[in-house]
Amino acid sequence: MPVRDQVSFAIEVPCGTGRAAARTAIFDVIEDWCNSHRPHSSLGYLGPAEYETALVA
């Protein structure tokens, strides 16, 4: 089983912007990094972009 990288994020949300802004910031991080870079077991522990590149090659 491959070793998984531990990743931490610093999400900056200005004070007073509310929960909606915080939720949007968190969603953006998940959508940007986790779904596109994180290795998926169903893809042979490749990230989606790497998997698609491998399919085309």
PDB file of N, CA and C in Angstrom:
ATOM      1  N   MET A   1       0.855  -1.185   0.000  1.00  0.00           N
ATOM      2  CA  MET A   1       0.000   0.000   0.000  1.00  0.00           C
ATOM      3  C   MET A   1       0.894   1.240   0.000  1.00  0.00           C
ATOM      4  N   PRO A   2       0.664   2.177  -0.915  1.00  0.00           N
ATOM      5  CA  PRO A   2       1.506   3.374  -0.978  1.00  0.00           C
ATOM      6  C   PRO A   2       1.354   4.256   0.258  1.00  0.00           C
ATOM      7  N   VAL A   3       2.411   4.970   0.540  1.00  0.00           N
ATOM      8  CA  VAL A   3       2.379   5.912   1.651  1.00  0.00           C
ATOM      9  C   VAL A   3       1.649   7.152   1.197  1.00  0.00           C
ATOM     10  N   ARG A   4       0.695   7.573   1.980  1.00  0.00           N
ATOM     11  CA  ARG A   4      -0.078   8.769   1.622  1.00  0.00           C
ATOM     12  C   ARG A   4       0.585  10.004   2.207  1.00  0.00           C
ATOM     13  N   ASP A   5       0.609  11.044   1.411  1.00  0.00           N
ATOM     14  CA  ASP A   5       1.162  12.311   1.872  1.00  0.00           C
ATOM     15  C   ASP A   5       0.172  12.981   2.816  1.00  0.00           C
ATOM     16  N   GLN A   6       0.724  13.579   3.854  1.00  0.00           N
ATOM     17  CA  GLN A   6      -0.123  14.352   4.757  1.00  0.00           C
ATOM     18  C   GLN A   6      -0.051  15.801   4.310  1.00  0.00           C
ATOM     19  N   VAL A   7      -1.192  16.384   4.081  1.00  0.00           N
ATOM     20  CA  VAL A   7      -1.254  17.739   3.563  1.00  0.00           C
ATOM     21  C   VAL A   7      -2.060  18.597   4.524  1.00  0.00           C
ATOM     22  N   SER A   8      -1.562  19.786   4.764  1.00  0.00           N
ATOM     23  CA  SER A   8      -2.336  20.728   5.569  1.00  0.00           C
ATOM     24  C   SER A   8      -2.492  22.012   4.768  1.00  0.00           C
ATOM     25  N   PHE A   9      -3.571  22.692   5.009  1.00  0.00           N
ATOM     26  CA  PHE A   9      -3.879  23.900   4.268  1.00  0.00           C
ATOM     27  C   PHE A   9      -4.101  25.053   5.226  1.00  0.00           C
ATOM     28  N   ALA A  10      -3.699  26.219   4.816  1.00  0.00           N
ATOM     29  CA  ALA A  10      -4.013  27.439   5.553  1.00  0.00           C
ATOM     30  C   ALA A  10      -5.056  28.173   4.727  1.00  0.00           C
ATOM     31  N   ILE A  11      -6.244  28.236   5.261  1.00  0.00           N
ATOM     32  CA  ILE A  11      -7.334  28.889   4.555  1.00  0.00           C
ATOM     33  C   ILE A  11      -7.569  30.236   5.210  1.00  0.00           C
ATOM     34  N   GLU A  12      -7.418  31.287   4.424  1.00  0.00           N
ATOM     35  CA  GLU A  12      -7.593  32.624   4.963  1.00  0.00           C
ATOM     36  C   GLU A  12      -8.965  33.166   4.605  1.00  0.00           C
ATOM     37  N   VAL A  13      -9.714  33.488   5.643  1.00  0.00           N
ATOM     38  CA  VAL A  13     -11.033  34.092   5.474  1.00  0.00           C
ATOM     39  C   VAL A  13     -11.053  35.318   6.380  1.00  0.00           C
ATOM     40  N   PRO A  14     -11.243  36.499   5.821  1.00  0.00           N
ATOM     41  CA  PRO A  14     -11.256  37.706   6.647  1.00  0.00           C
ATOM     42  C   PRO A  14     -12.326  37.647   7.737  1.00  0.00           C
ATOM     43  N   CYS A  15     -11.984  38.184   8.886  1.00  0.00           N
ATOM     44  CA  CYS A  15     -12.944  38.228   9.992  1.00  0.00           C
ATOM     45  C   CYS A  15     -14.172  39.024   9.582  1.00  0.00           C
ATOM     46  N   GLY A  16     -15.316  38.565  10.022  1.00  0.00           N
ATOM     47  CA  GLY A  16     -16.550  39.274   9.760  1.00  0.00           C
ATOM     48  C   GLY A  16     -17.206  38.953   8.435  1.00  0.00           C
ATOM     49  N   THR A  17     -16.618  38.040   7.660  1.00  0.00           N
ATOM     50  CA  THR A  17     -17.225  37.716   6.374  1.00  0.00           C
ATOM     51  C   THR A  17     -18.300  36.646   6.489  1.00  0.00           C
ATOM     52  N   GLY A  18     -18.312  35.936   7.590  1.00  0.00           N
ATOM     53  CA  GLY A  18     -19.381  34.982   7.839  1.00  0.00           C
ATOM     54  C   GLY A  18     -19.094  33.562   7.409  1.00  0.00           C
ATOM     55  N   ARG A  19     -20.045  32.715   7.748  1.00  0.00           N
ATOM     56  CA  ARG A  19     -19.914  31.285   7.467  1.00  0.00           C
ATOM     57  C   ARG A  19     -19.927  30.979   5.976  1.00  0.00           C
ATOM     58  N   ALA A  20     -20.699  31.709   5.227  1.00  0.00           N
ATOM     59  CA  ALA A  20     -20.784  31.443   3.791  1.00  0.00           C
ATOM     60  C   ALA A  20     -19.416  31.610   3.132  1.00  0.00           C
ATOM     61  N   ALA A  21     -18.681  32.639   3.507  1.00  0.00           N
ATOM     62  CA  ALA A  21     -17.350  32.862   2.941  1.00  0.00           C
ATOM     63  C   ALA A  21     -16.395  31.751   3.366  1.00  0.00           C
ATOM     64  N   ALA A  22     -16.498  31.303   4.618  1.00  0.00           N
ATOM     65  CA  ALA A  22     -15.651  30.212   5.097  1.00  0.00           C
ATOM     66  C   ALA A  22     -15.960  28.921   4.348  1.00  0.00           C
ATOM     67  N   ARG A  23     -17.239  28.632   4.174  1.00  0.00           N
ATOM     68  CA  ARG A  23     -17.632  27.426   3.454  1.00  0.00           C
ATOM     69  C   ARG A  23     -17.136  27.466   2.017  1.00  0.00           C
ATOM     70  N   THR A  24     -17.242  28.625   1.384  1.00  0.00           N
ATOM     71  CA  THR A  24     -16.775  28.773   0.010  1.00  0.00           C
ATOM     72  C   THR A  24     -15.269  28.560  -0.075  1.00  0.00           C
ATOM     73  N   ALA A  25     -14.521  29.122   0.872  1.00  0.00           N
ATOM     74  CA  ALA A  25     -13.065  28.972   0.882  1.00  0.00           C
ATOM     75  C   ALA A  25     -12.670  27.508   1.057  1.00  0.00           C
ATOM     76  N   ILE A  26     -13.342  26.817   1.965  1.00  0.00           N
ATOM     77  CA  ILE A  26     -13.042  25.403   2.188  1.00  0.00           C
ATOM     78  C   ILE A  26     -13.398  24.581   0.947  1.00  0.00           C
ATOM     79  N   PHE A  27     -14.552  24.852   0.364  1.00  0.00           N
ATOM     80  CA  PHE A  27     -14.961  24.149  -0.849  1.00  0.00           C
ATOM     81  C   PHE A  27     -13.942  24.353  -1.961  1.00  0.00           C
ATOM     82  N   ASP A  28     -13.464  25.582  -2.121  1.00  0.00           N
ATOM     83  CA  ASP A  28     -12.493  25.880  -3.173  1.00  0.00           C
ATOM     84  C   ASP A  28     -11.219  25.064  -2.996  1.00  0.00           C
ATOM     85  N   VAL A  29     -10.748  24.930  -1.753  1.00  0.00           N
ATOM     86  CA  VAL A  29      -9.535  24.136  -1.497  1.00  0.00           C
ATOM     87  C   VAL A  29      -9.786  22.671  -1.841  1.00  0.00           C
ATOM     88  N   ILE A  30     -10.909  22.151  -1.384  1.00  0.00           N
ATOM     89  CA  ILE A  30     -11.221  20.748  -1.667  1.00  0.00           C
ATOM     90  C   ILE A  30     -11.357  20.513  -3.159  1.00  0.00           C
ATOM     91  N   GLU A  31     -12.081  21.372  -3.824  1.00  0.00           N
ATOM     92  CA  GLU A  31     -12.300  21.217  -5.257  1.00  0.00           C
ATOM     93  C   GLU A  31     -11.004  21.365  -6.042  1.00  0.00           C
ATOM     94  N   ASP A  32     -10.181  22.341  -5.649  1.00  0.00           N
ATOM     95  CA  ASP A  32      -8.951  22.605  -6.390  1.00  0.00           C
ATOM     96  C   ASP A  32      -7.893  21.532  -6.162  1.00  0.00           C
ATOM     97  N   TRP A  33      -7.600  21.225  -4.912  1.00  0.00           N
ATOM     98  CA  TRP A  33      -6.493  20.312  -4.649  1.00  0.00           C
ATOM     99  C   TRP A  33      -6.938  18.877  -4.454  1.00  0.00           C
ATOM    100  N   CYS A  34      -7.822  18.667  -3.536  1.00  0.00           N
ATOM    101  CA  CYS A  34      -8.156  17.291  -3.153  1.00  0.00           C
ATOM    102  C   CYS A  34      -8.722  16.485  -4.306  1.00  0.00           C
ATOM    103  N   ASN A  35      -9.614  17.042  -5.071  1.00  0.00           N
ATOM    104  CA  ASN A  35     -10.244  16.276  -6.139  1.00  0.00           C
ATOM    105  C   ASN A  35      -9.385  16.164  -7.388  1.00  0.00           C
ATOM    106  N   SER A  36      -8.439  17.062  -7.570  1.00  0.00           N
ATOM    107  CA  SER A  36      -7.649  16.998  -8.790  1.00  0.00           C
ATOM    108  C   SER A  36      -6.239  16.448  -8.584  1.00  0.00           C
ATOM    109  N   HIS A  37      -5.690  16.552  -7.387  1.00  0.00           N
ATOM    110  CA  HIS A  37      -4.317  16.112  -7.155  1.00  0.00           C
ATOM    111  C   HIS A  37      -4.206  14.860  -6.297  1.00  0.00           C
ATOM    112  N   ARG A  38      -5.141  14.671  -5.405  1.00  0.00           N
ATOM    113  CA  ARG A  38      -5.051  13.571  -4.454  1.00  0.00           C
ATOM    114  C   ARG A  38      -5.122  12.234  -5.185  1.00  0.00           C
ATOM    115  N   PRO A  39      -4.205  11.312  -4.849  1.00  0.00           N
ATOM    116  CA  PRO A  39      -4.257   9.994  -5.477  1.00  0.00           C
ATOM    117  C   PRO A  39      -5.528   9.239  -5.081  1.00  0.00           C
ATOM    118  N   HIS A  40      -6.132   8.568  -6.033  1.00  0.00           N
ATOM    119  CA  HIS A  40      -7.329   7.774  -5.791  1.00  0.00           C
ATOM    120  C   HIS A  40      -6.999   6.301  -5.991  1.00  0.00           C
ATOM    121  N   SER A  41      -7.429   5.472  -5.058  1.00  0.00           N
ATOM    122  CA  SER A  41      -7.143   4.041  -5.174  1.00  0.00           C
ATOM    123  C   SER A  41      -7.783   3.446  -6.428  1.00  0.00           C
ATOM    124  N   SER A  42      -8.950   3.948  -6.802  1.00  0.00           N
ATOM    125  CA  SER A  42      -9.626   3.413  -7.986  1.00  0.00           C
ATOM    126  C   SER A  42      -8.897   3.767  -9.279  1.00  0.00           C
ATOM    127  N   LEU A  43      -7.977   4.725  -9.212  1.00  0.00           N
ATOM    128  CA  LEU A  43      -7.203   5.126 -10.398  1.00  0.00           C
ATOM    129  C   LEU A  43      -5.768   4.624 -10.325  1.00  0.00           C
ATOM    130  N   GLY A  44      -5.533   3.610  -9.514  1.00  0.00           N
ATOM    131  CA  GLY A  44      -4.176   3.073  -9.384  1.00  0.00           C
ATOM    132  C   GLY A  44      -3.271   4.008  -8.616  1.00  0.00           C
ATOM    133  N   TYR A  45      -3.813   4.727  -7.672  1.00  0.00           N
ATOM    134  CA  TYR A  45      -3.090   5.694  -6.829  1.00  0.00           C
ATOM    135  C   TYR A  45      -2.436   6.800  -7.646  1.00  0.00           C
ATOM    136  N   LEU A  46      -3.101   7.188  -8.708  1.00  0.00           N
ATOM    137  CA  LEU A  46      -2.709   8.353  -9.490  1.00  0.00           C
ATOM    138  C   LEU A  46      -3.735   9.444  -9.257  1.00  0.00           C
ATOM    139  N   GLY A  47      -3.319  10.673  -9.413  1.00  0.00           N
ATOM    140  CA  GLY A  47      -4.263  11.781  -9.390  1.00  0.00           C
ATOM    141  C   GLY A  47      -5.062  11.767 -10.684  1.00  0.00           C
ATOM    142  N   PRO A  48      -6.233  12.369 -10.704  1.00  0.00           N
ATOM    143  CA  PRO A  48      -7.049  12.354 -11.921  1.00  0.00           C
ATOM    144  C   PRO A  48      -6.338  12.898 -13.160  1.00  0.00           C
ATOM    145  N   ALA A  49      -5.583  13.974 -13.002  1.00  0.00           N
ATOM    146  CA  ALA A  49      -4.875  14.538 -14.154  1.00  0.00           C
ATOM    147  C   ALA A  49      -3.812  13.568 -14.662  1.00  0.00           C
ATOM    148  N   GLU A  50      -3.085  12.928 -13.746  1.00  0.00           N
ATOM    149  CA  GLU A  50      -2.069  11.946 -14.140  1.00  0.00           C
ATOM    150  C   GLU A  50      -2.720  10.743 -14.829  1.00  0.00           C
ATOM    151  N   TYR A  51      -3.863  10.317 -14.307  1.00  0.00           N
ATOM    152  CA  TYR A  51      -4.577   9.177 -14.882  1.00  0.00           C
ATOM    153  C   TYR A  51      -5.024   9.480 -16.308  1.00  0.00           C
ATOM    154  N   GLU A  52      -5.580  10.662 -16.517  1.00  0.00           N
ATOM    155  CA  GLU A  52      -6.027  11.039 -17.857  1.00  0.00           C
ATOM    156  C   GLU A  52      -4.849  11.129 -18.830  1.00  0.00           C
ATOM    157  N   THR A  53      -3.727  11.647 -18.353  1.00  0.00           N
ATOM    158  CA  THR A  53      -2.530  11.722 -19.187  1.00  0.00           C
ATOM    159  C   THR A  53      -2.061  10.329 -19.577  1.00  0.00           C
ATOM    160  N   ALA A  54      -2.106   9.400 -18.621  1.00  0.00           N
ATOM    161  CA  ALA A  54      -1.691   8.033 -18.892  1.00  0.00           C
ATOM    162  C   ALA A  54      -2.625   7.344 -19.897  1.00  0.00           C
ATOM    163  N   LEU A  55      -3.910   7.670 -19.862  1.00  0.00           N
ATOM    164  CA  LEU A  55      -4.860   7.081 -20.799  1.00  0.00           C
ATOM    165  C   LEU A  55      -4.607   7.540 -22.222  1.00  0.00           C
ATOM    166  N   VAL A  56      -4.254   8.814 -22.370  1.00  0.00           N
ATOM    167  CA  VAL A  56      -4.030   9.387 -23.695  1.00  0.00           C
ATOM    168  C   VAL A  56      -2.732   8.865 -24.299  1.00  0.00           C
ATOM    169  N   ALA A  57      -1.726   8.656 -23.451  1.00  0.00           N
ATOM    170  CA  ALA A  57      -0.400   8.230 -23.957  1.00  0.00           C
ATOM    171  C   ALA A  57      -0.384   6.810 -24.430  1.00  0.00           C
TER     172      ALA A  57
END
